[in-house]
């Protein structure tokens, strides 16, 4: 039987988006990370920026070494149900732990993440970037899977 993306959680599925968004209800400004240096507010901002980056609204440079720009690595990272490694460095433009934006408000970012997930899940292929700064070339199905995996990774980081 051929492989099908349909069996995976993806942000193209409205039910998956709703379930993922509800997990953010367990997050508070005081929720501590199980790993990493971001606060819960910084994590929300990071995810919002990452979705904006994917939709071409936030420019980022390619990672210095696209260590994940390999078909096998991309397949493993986006397809297999194994947790992503902890501590992978993101691109500087969306690294909210390093940027430490002072004007970020938890309630504001909490509201923005739900909107970002909904918009991202409904975006057409034409309005997505053709390449991810670390994974390289992604089609719409892969972007939708990345969106789920990336968000799930950070929700697990905060126990949500």
N, C-alpha and C. Protein backbone atom coordinates (compact mmCIF):
# COMPACT_ATOMS: atom_id res chain seq x y z
N UNK A 1 0.85 -1.18 0.00
CA UNK A 1 0.00 0.00 0.00
C UNK A 1 0.89 1.25 0.00
N UNK A 2 0.64 2.21 -0.87
CA UNK A 2 1.48 3.40 -0.90
C UNK A 2 1.33 4.24 0.35
N UNK A 3 2.36 4.99 0.66
CA UNK A 3 2.36 5.84 1.83
C UNK A 3 1.39 6.99 1.62
N UNK A 4 0.67 7.37 2.67
CA UNK A 4 -0.27 8.48 2.57
C UNK A 4 -0.04 9.48 3.69
N UNK A 5 0.06 10.76 3.33
CA UNK A 5 0.19 11.82 4.34
C UNK A 5 -1.09 11.93 5.17
N UNK A 6 -2.20 11.44 4.65
CA UNK A 6 -3.49 11.59 5.33
C UNK A 6 -3.55 10.92 6.70
N UNK A 7 -2.70 9.96 6.96
CA UNK A 7 -2.72 9.25 8.24
C UNK A 7 -1.97 9.99 9.33
N UNK A 8 -1.37 11.11 9.01
CA UNK A 8 -0.58 11.86 9.96
C UNK A 8 -1.32 13.10 10.44
N UNK A 9 -1.04 13.52 11.68
CA UNK A 9 -1.58 14.79 12.15
C UNK A 9 -0.95 15.91 11.35
N UNK A 10 -1.79 16.75 10.81
CA UNK A 10 -1.33 17.84 9.97
C UNK A 10 -2.24 19.04 10.18
N UNK A 11 -1.70 20.22 10.08
CA UNK A 11 -2.50 21.43 10.30
C UNK A 11 -3.44 21.72 9.14
N UNK A 12 -3.40 20.93 8.09
CA UNK A 12 -4.40 21.05 7.03
C UNK A 12 -5.76 20.54 7.51
N UNK A 13 -5.77 19.74 8.56
CA UNK A 13 -6.99 19.16 9.12
C UNK A 13 -7.55 20.09 10.20
N UNK A 14 -8.76 20.65 9.98
CA UNK A 14 -9.34 21.57 10.97
C UNK A 14 -9.48 20.96 12.36
N UNK A 15 -9.80 19.67 12.45
CA UNK A 15 -9.94 19.02 13.76
C UNK A 15 -8.61 18.97 14.50
N UNK A 16 -7.54 18.74 13.78
CA UNK A 16 -6.21 18.72 14.38
C UNK A 16 -5.86 20.12 14.87
N UNK A 17 -6.19 21.14 14.08
CA UNK A 17 -5.92 22.52 14.50
C UNK A 17 -6.65 22.85 15.80
N UNK A 18 -7.92 22.47 15.90
CA UNK A 18 -8.70 22.76 17.11
C UNK A 18 -8.09 22.05 18.31
N UNK A 19 -7.74 20.81 18.16
CA UNK A 19 -7.14 20.05 19.26
C UNK A 19 -5.83 20.66 19.70
N UNK A 20 -5.00 21.06 18.76
CA UNK A 20 -3.72 21.67 19.08
C UNK A 20 -3.92 23.01 19.79
N UNK A 21 -4.82 23.82 19.29
CA UNK A 21 -5.09 25.14 19.90
C UNK A 21 -5.58 24.97 21.34
N UNK A 22 -6.40 23.98 21.59
CA UNK A 22 -6.91 23.75 22.96
C UNK A 22 -5.79 23.41 23.94
N UNK A 23 -4.73 22.80 23.46
CA UNK A 23 -3.61 22.46 24.34
C UNK A 23 -2.96 23.72 24.92
N UNK A 24 -3.06 24.84 24.20
CA UNK A 24 -2.50 26.10 24.69
C UNK A 24 -3.26 26.63 25.90
N UNK A 25 -4.48 26.16 26.13
CA UNK A 25 -5.26 26.61 27.29
C UNK A 25 -4.59 26.22 28.61
N UNK A 26 -3.74 25.22 28.59
CA UNK A 26 -3.04 24.77 29.81
C UNK A 26 -1.78 25.59 30.08
N UNK A 27 -1.43 26.47 29.16
CA UNK A 27 -0.22 27.28 29.28
C UNK A 27 -0.52 28.58 30.02
N UNK A 28 0.35 28.96 30.94
CA UNK A 28 0.22 30.23 31.65
C UNK A 28 1.55 30.97 31.54
N UNK A 29 1.58 32.25 31.93
CA UNK A 29 2.86 32.96 31.92
C UNK A 29 3.88 32.34 32.87
N UNK A 30 3.40 31.61 33.87
CA UNK A 30 4.29 31.00 34.85
C UNK A 30 4.71 29.57 34.51
N UNK A 31 4.15 29.00 33.45
CA UNK A 31 4.50 27.62 33.08
C UNK A 31 5.99 27.56 32.74
N UNK A 32 6.70 26.66 33.39
CA UNK A 32 8.14 26.51 33.16
C UNK A 32 8.43 25.49 32.08
N UNK A 33 9.49 25.74 31.35
CA UNK A 33 9.93 24.81 30.32
C UNK A 33 10.59 23.59 30.96
N UNK A 34 10.35 22.43 30.38
CA UNK A 34 11.01 21.20 30.82
C UNK A 34 12.43 21.14 30.29
N UNK A 35 12.69 21.87 29.21
CA UNK A 35 14.03 22.00 28.66
C UNK A 35 14.10 23.34 27.93
N UNK A 36 15.31 23.78 27.66
CA UNK A 36 15.51 25.02 26.92
C UNK A 36 15.44 26.25 27.79
N UNK A 37 15.56 27.41 27.16
CA UNK A 37 15.65 28.67 27.90
C UNK A 37 14.48 29.62 27.67
N UNK A 38 13.56 29.28 26.77
CA UNK A 38 12.45 30.17 26.51
C UNK A 38 11.44 30.16 27.65
N UNK A 39 10.83 31.31 27.87
CA UNK A 39 9.67 31.39 28.76
C UNK A 39 8.44 30.96 27.94
N UNK A 40 7.32 30.76 28.61
CA UNK A 40 6.11 30.38 27.87
C UNK A 40 5.70 31.49 26.90
N UNK A 41 5.86 32.73 27.29
CA UNK A 41 5.52 33.85 26.40
C UNK A 41 6.45 33.88 25.20
N UNK A 42 7.73 33.65 25.42
CA UNK A 42 8.69 33.62 24.31
C UNK A 42 8.38 32.45 23.36
N UNK A 43 7.96 31.33 23.91
CA UNK A 43 7.61 30.18 23.06
C UNK A 43 6.43 30.53 22.16
N UNK A 44 5.41 31.18 22.72
CA UNK A 44 4.27 31.59 21.91
C UNK A 44 4.72 32.51 20.78
N UNK A 45 5.55 33.49 21.12
CA UNK A 45 6.06 34.43 20.12
C UNK A 45 6.88 33.71 19.06
N UNK A 46 7.71 32.77 19.48
CA UNK A 46 8.52 31.97 18.55
C UNK A 46 7.62 31.24 17.54
N UNK A 47 6.56 30.61 18.03
CA UNK A 47 5.67 29.89 17.14
C UNK A 47 4.95 30.83 16.18
N UNK A 48 4.48 31.96 16.68
CA UNK A 48 3.82 32.93 15.80
C UNK A 48 4.78 33.38 14.70
N UNK A 49 6.01 33.71 15.07
CA UNK A 49 7.00 34.12 14.08
C UNK A 49 7.32 32.99 13.10
N UNK A 50 7.38 31.76 13.58
CA UNK A 50 7.68 30.62 12.71
C UNK A 50 6.57 30.43 11.67
N UNK A 51 5.31 30.57 12.08
CA UNK A 51 4.22 30.47 11.11
C UNK A 51 4.27 31.63 10.12
N UNK A 52 4.59 32.82 10.60
CA UNK A 52 4.71 33.99 9.71
C UNK A 52 5.86 33.76 8.72
N UNK A 53 6.95 33.16 9.20
CA UNK A 53 8.08 32.84 8.33
C UNK A 53 7.64 31.87 7.24
N UNK A 54 6.90 30.85 7.60
CA UNK A 54 6.46 29.85 6.64
C UNK A 54 5.55 30.45 5.57
N UNK A 55 4.80 31.49 5.94
CA UNK A 55 3.89 32.13 4.99
C UNK A 55 4.53 33.34 4.31
N UNK A 56 5.84 33.52 4.47
CA UNK A 56 6.57 34.58 3.80
C UNK A 56 6.36 35.96 4.39
N UNK A 57 5.84 36.05 5.60
CA UNK A 57 5.57 37.34 6.24
C UNK A 57 6.70 37.79 7.16
N UNK A 58 7.67 36.93 7.39
CA UNK A 58 8.78 37.22 8.28
C UNK A 58 10.04 36.62 7.64
N UNK A 59 10.86 37.49 7.09
CA UNK A 59 12.04 37.01 6.36
C UNK A 59 13.09 36.44 7.31
N UNK A 60 13.64 35.31 6.93
CA UNK A 60 14.74 34.69 7.67
C UNK A 60 15.78 34.22 6.67
N UNK A 61 17.02 34.19 7.12
CA UNK A 61 18.10 33.66 6.29
C UNK A 61 18.14 32.14 6.42
N UNK A 62 18.69 31.50 5.44
CA UNK A 62 18.87 30.05 5.55
C UNK A 62 19.82 29.76 6.70
N UNK A 63 19.60 28.65 7.37
CA UNK A 63 20.50 28.24 8.43
C UNK A 63 21.89 28.06 7.83
N UNK A 64 22.90 28.37 8.62
CA UNK A 64 24.28 28.29 8.14
C UNK A 64 24.58 26.94 7.49
N UNK A 65 24.16 25.89 8.14
CA UNK A 65 24.29 24.57 7.54
C UNK A 65 22.93 23.91 7.63
N UNK A 66 22.31 23.76 6.50
CA UNK A 66 20.99 23.13 6.49
C UNK A 66 21.17 21.65 6.82
N UNK A 67 21.41 21.37 8.10
CA UNK A 67 21.70 19.99 8.48
C UNK A 67 20.53 19.04 8.28
N UNK A 68 19.33 19.60 8.10
CA UNK A 68 18.16 18.73 7.91
C UNK A 68 17.69 18.72 6.47
N UNK A 69 18.44 19.38 5.57
CA UNK A 69 18.09 19.44 4.16
C UNK A 69 18.58 18.19 3.46
N UNK A 70 17.90 17.11 3.76
CA UNK A 70 18.23 15.80 3.23
C UNK A 70 16.91 15.03 3.19
N UNK A 71 16.58 14.40 2.07
CA UNK A 71 15.28 13.72 1.98
C UNK A 71 15.03 12.70 3.10
N UNK A 72 16.04 11.96 3.49
CA UNK A 72 15.85 10.96 4.54
C UNK A 72 15.62 11.63 5.90
N UNK A 73 16.41 12.64 6.21
CA UNK A 73 16.25 13.35 7.48
C UNK A 73 14.88 14.04 7.51
N UNK A 74 14.49 14.67 6.40
CA UNK A 74 13.18 15.33 6.31
C UNK A 74 12.07 14.32 6.54
N UNK A 75 12.18 13.14 5.91
CA UNK A 75 11.17 12.10 6.07
C UNK A 75 11.06 11.67 7.53
N UNK A 76 12.19 11.41 8.16
CA UNK A 76 12.19 10.98 9.56
C UNK A 76 11.60 12.07 10.45
N UNK A 77 12.04 13.31 10.27
CA UNK A 77 11.59 14.41 11.13
C UNK A 77 10.12 14.72 10.97
N UNK A 78 9.62 14.62 9.75
CA UNK A 78 8.24 15.01 9.50
C UNK A 78 7.26 13.85 9.56
N UNK A 79 7.74 12.63 9.46
CA UNK A 79 6.83 11.50 9.34
C UNK A 79 6.81 10.58 10.54
N UNK A 80 7.97 10.19 11.02
CA UNK A 80 8.00 9.19 12.09
C UNK A 80 7.51 9.78 13.42
N UNK A 81 6.76 9.01 14.17
CA UNK A 81 6.20 9.51 15.44
C UNK A 81 7.20 9.46 16.60
N UNK A 82 8.39 10.01 16.36
CA UNK A 82 9.39 10.07 17.42
C UNK A 82 9.58 11.54 17.80
N UNK A 83 9.79 11.82 19.08
CA UNK A 83 9.97 13.22 19.49
C UNK A 83 11.19 13.84 18.82
N UNK A 84 11.05 15.11 18.50
CA UNK A 84 12.19 15.84 17.96
C UNK A 84 13.23 16.02 19.06
N UNK A 85 14.51 16.08 18.70
CA UNK A 85 15.56 16.29 19.72
C UNK A 85 15.39 17.65 20.40
N UNK A 86 15.84 17.70 21.62
CA UNK A 86 15.81 18.95 22.38
C UNK A 86 17.08 19.73 22.09
N UNK A 87 16.96 21.05 22.13
CA UNK A 87 18.15 21.90 22.02
C UNK A 87 18.62 22.21 20.62
N UNK A 88 17.81 21.90 19.59
CA UNK A 88 18.20 22.27 18.23
C UNK A 88 18.10 23.80 18.11
N UNK A 89 19.13 24.42 17.65
CA UNK A 89 19.17 25.88 17.53
C UNK A 89 18.32 26.32 16.35
N UNK A 90 17.49 27.32 16.57
CA UNK A 90 16.66 27.86 15.50
C UNK A 90 17.38 28.99 14.79
N UNK A 91 16.76 29.51 13.74
CA UNK A 91 17.37 30.64 13.04
C UNK A 91 17.24 31.90 13.90
N UNK A 92 18.21 32.79 13.83
CA UNK A 92 18.24 33.95 14.74
C UNK A 92 17.00 34.83 14.71
N UNK A 93 16.38 34.98 13.55
CA UNK A 93 15.25 35.90 13.41
C UNK A 93 14.02 35.49 14.23
N UNK A 94 13.92 34.20 14.59
CA UNK A 94 12.77 33.75 15.38
C UNK A 94 13.21 33.12 16.70
N UNK A 95 14.46 33.36 17.08
CA UNK A 95 14.98 32.84 18.34
C UNK A 95 14.60 33.80 19.47
N UNK A 96 13.43 33.60 20.03
CA UNK A 96 12.90 34.53 21.04
C UNK A 96 13.62 34.43 22.37
N UNK A 97 14.34 33.36 22.62
CA UNK A 97 15.14 33.29 23.85
C UNK A 97 16.34 34.23 23.73
N UNK A 98 16.92 34.32 22.54
CA UNK A 98 18.06 35.22 22.32
C UNK A 98 17.60 36.65 22.10
N UNK A 99 16.51 36.83 21.38
CA UNK A 99 16.01 38.18 21.10
C UNK A 99 15.45 38.85 22.35
N UNK A 100 14.85 38.05 23.21
CA UNK A 100 14.22 38.54 24.45
C UNK A 100 13.41 39.81 24.21
N UNK A 101 12.39 39.72 23.34
CA UNK A 101 11.59 40.92 23.08
C UNK A 101 10.92 41.41 24.36
N UNK A 102 11.10 42.68 24.68
CA UNK A 102 10.58 43.21 25.94
C UNK A 102 9.09 43.54 25.88
N UNK A 103 8.56 43.75 24.69
CA UNK A 103 7.18 44.18 24.59
C UNK A 103 6.19 43.02 24.42
N UNK A 104 6.64 41.80 24.55
CA UNK A 104 5.77 40.64 24.34
C UNK A 104 4.85 40.44 25.55
N UNK A 105 3.57 40.37 25.26
CA UNK A 105 2.56 40.18 26.29
C UNK A 105 1.97 38.78 26.13
N UNK A 106 1.90 38.02 27.23
CA UNK A 106 1.41 36.64 27.17
C UNK A 106 0.01 36.58 26.56
N UNK A 107 -0.93 37.36 27.06
CA UNK A 107 -2.32 37.31 26.57
C UNK A 107 -2.39 37.62 25.08
N UNK A 108 -1.60 38.61 24.65
CA UNK A 108 -1.58 38.98 23.24
C UNK A 108 -1.03 37.84 22.39
N UNK A 109 0.08 37.26 22.81
CA UNK A 109 0.68 36.15 22.05
C UNK A 109 -0.21 34.91 22.09
N UNK A 110 -0.87 34.69 23.22
CA UNK A 110 -1.79 33.54 23.35
C UNK A 110 -2.92 33.67 22.34
N UNK A 111 -3.44 34.86 22.16
CA UNK A 111 -4.49 35.09 21.16
C UNK A 111 -3.95 34.95 19.74
N UNK A 112 -2.73 35.43 19.52
CA UNK A 112 -2.13 35.39 18.18
C UNK A 112 -1.83 33.96 17.72
N UNK A 113 -1.48 33.07 18.64
CA UNK A 113 -1.10 31.73 18.20
C UNK A 113 -2.28 30.98 17.59
N UNK A 114 -3.46 31.15 18.16
CA UNK A 114 -4.64 30.48 17.60
C UNK A 114 -4.92 31.00 16.18
N UNK A 115 -4.82 32.30 16.00
CA UNK A 115 -5.04 32.91 14.68
C UNK A 115 -3.97 32.41 13.70
N UNK A 116 -2.72 32.38 14.15
CA UNK A 116 -1.63 31.94 13.28
C UNK A 116 -1.82 30.49 12.83
N UNK A 117 -2.24 29.62 13.75
CA UNK A 117 -2.45 28.21 13.39
C UNK A 117 -3.59 28.08 12.40
N UNK A 118 -4.67 28.79 12.62
CA UNK A 118 -5.81 28.73 11.69
C UNK A 118 -5.42 29.26 10.31
N UNK A 119 -4.76 30.39 10.27
CA UNK A 119 -4.35 30.97 8.98
C UNK A 119 -3.38 30.05 8.25
N UNK A 120 -2.42 29.53 8.98
CA UNK A 120 -1.43 28.64 8.38
C UNK A 120 -2.11 27.38 7.81
N UNK A 121 -3.02 26.81 8.55
CA UNK A 121 -3.70 25.59 8.10
C UNK A 121 -4.54 25.79 6.86
N UNK A 122 -4.97 27.02 6.61
CA UNK A 122 -5.82 27.31 5.46
C UNK A 122 -5.07 27.94 4.29
N UNK A 123 -3.78 28.22 4.48
CA UNK A 123 -3.02 28.90 3.44
C UNK A 123 -2.83 28.00 2.21
N UNK A 124 -2.85 28.61 1.04
CA UNK A 124 -2.63 27.85 -0.19
C UNK A 124 -1.14 27.59 -0.38
N UNK A 125 -0.84 26.63 -1.20
CA UNK A 125 0.56 26.30 -1.50
C UNK A 125 1.28 27.52 -2.09
N UNK A 126 0.56 28.31 -2.88
CA UNK A 126 1.16 29.49 -3.51
C UNK A 126 1.59 30.54 -2.49
N UNK A 127 1.00 30.52 -1.30
CA UNK A 127 1.32 31.51 -0.28
C UNK A 127 2.24 30.98 0.81
N UNK A 128 2.85 29.84 0.57
CA UNK A 128 3.85 29.29 1.48
C UNK A 128 5.23 29.49 0.87
N UNK A 129 6.22 29.66 1.72
CA UNK A 129 7.60 29.72 1.23
C UNK A 129 7.94 28.39 0.57
N UNK A 130 8.78 28.43 -0.41
CA UNK A 130 9.16 27.18 -1.06
C UNK A 130 10.20 26.41 -0.25
N UNK A 131 10.93 27.12 0.61
CA UNK A 131 11.95 26.43 1.40
C UNK A 131 11.88 26.82 2.87
N UNK A 132 12.20 25.85 3.70
CA UNK A 132 12.34 26.04 5.14
C UNK A 132 13.83 26.32 5.38
N UNK A 133 14.17 27.22 6.31
CA UNK A 133 15.59 27.58 6.48
C UNK A 133 16.48 26.41 6.91
N UNK A 134 15.91 25.37 7.50
CA UNK A 134 16.73 24.24 7.93
C UNK A 134 16.41 22.95 7.15
N UNK A 135 15.13 22.76 6.78
CA UNK A 135 14.72 21.53 6.10
C UNK A 135 14.83 21.63 4.59
N UNK A 136 15.00 22.83 4.06
CA UNK A 136 15.08 22.99 2.62
C UNK A 136 13.70 23.01 1.98
N UNK A 137 13.62 22.48 0.78
CA UNK A 137 12.39 22.52 0.00
C UNK A 137 11.28 21.69 0.63
N UNK A 138 10.10 22.33 0.83
CA UNK A 138 8.94 21.64 1.38
C UNK A 138 7.73 21.93 0.50
N UNK A 139 6.91 20.89 0.29
CA UNK A 139 5.64 21.12 -0.39
C UNK A 139 4.58 21.43 0.68
N UNK A 140 3.35 21.73 0.26
CA UNK A 140 2.33 22.14 1.22
C UNK A 140 2.06 21.04 2.25
N UNK A 141 1.98 19.80 1.84
CA UNK A 141 1.74 18.71 2.79
C UNK A 141 2.84 18.63 3.84
N UNK A 142 4.07 18.80 3.40
CA UNK A 142 5.19 18.78 4.34
C UNK A 142 5.15 19.98 5.28
N UNK A 143 4.80 21.16 4.75
CA UNK A 143 4.68 22.34 5.61
C UNK A 143 3.60 22.11 6.67
N UNK A 144 2.48 21.53 6.28
CA UNK A 144 1.39 21.29 7.23
C UNK A 144 1.82 20.30 8.31
N UNK A 145 2.58 19.32 7.92
CA UNK A 145 3.10 18.35 8.90
C UNK A 145 4.13 19.03 9.79
N UNK A 146 5.03 19.83 9.20
CA UNK A 146 6.01 20.58 9.98
C UNK A 146 5.30 21.45 11.01
N UNK A 147 4.25 22.15 10.59
CA UNK A 147 3.52 23.02 11.51
C UNK A 147 3.00 22.27 12.72
N UNK A 148 2.46 21.08 12.49
CA UNK A 148 2.00 20.26 13.61
C UNK A 148 3.16 19.81 14.47
N UNK A 149 4.20 19.25 13.85
CA UNK A 149 5.32 18.70 14.61
C UNK A 149 6.02 19.80 15.42
N UNK A 150 6.24 20.97 14.82
CA UNK A 150 6.93 22.07 15.50
C UNK A 150 6.11 22.56 16.70
N UNK A 151 4.81 22.74 16.50
CA UNK A 151 3.94 23.21 17.58
C UNK A 151 3.85 22.17 18.69
N UNK A 152 3.67 20.91 18.32
CA UNK A 152 3.59 19.83 19.30
C UNK A 152 4.89 19.74 20.11
N UNK A 153 6.02 19.90 19.45
CA UNK A 153 7.32 19.87 20.12
C UNK A 153 7.39 20.92 21.23
N UNK A 154 6.96 22.14 20.92
CA UNK A 154 7.04 23.21 21.92
C UNK A 154 5.95 23.08 22.99
N UNK A 155 4.80 22.56 22.64
CA UNK A 155 3.79 22.31 23.68
C UNK A 155 4.30 21.25 24.66
N UNK A 156 4.93 20.21 24.15
CA UNK A 156 5.51 19.20 25.05
C UNK A 156 6.64 19.80 25.89
N UNK A 157 7.37 20.75 25.32
CA UNK A 157 8.44 21.43 26.07
C UNK A 157 7.88 22.07 27.34
N UNK A 158 6.63 22.51 27.28
CA UNK A 158 6.00 23.16 28.43
C UNK A 158 4.95 22.27 29.09
N UNK A 159 4.98 20.98 28.80
CA UNK A 159 4.09 20.03 29.47
C UNK A 159 2.63 20.16 29.10
N UNK A 160 2.36 20.68 27.92
CA UNK A 160 0.96 20.89 27.50
C UNK A 160 0.56 19.93 26.38
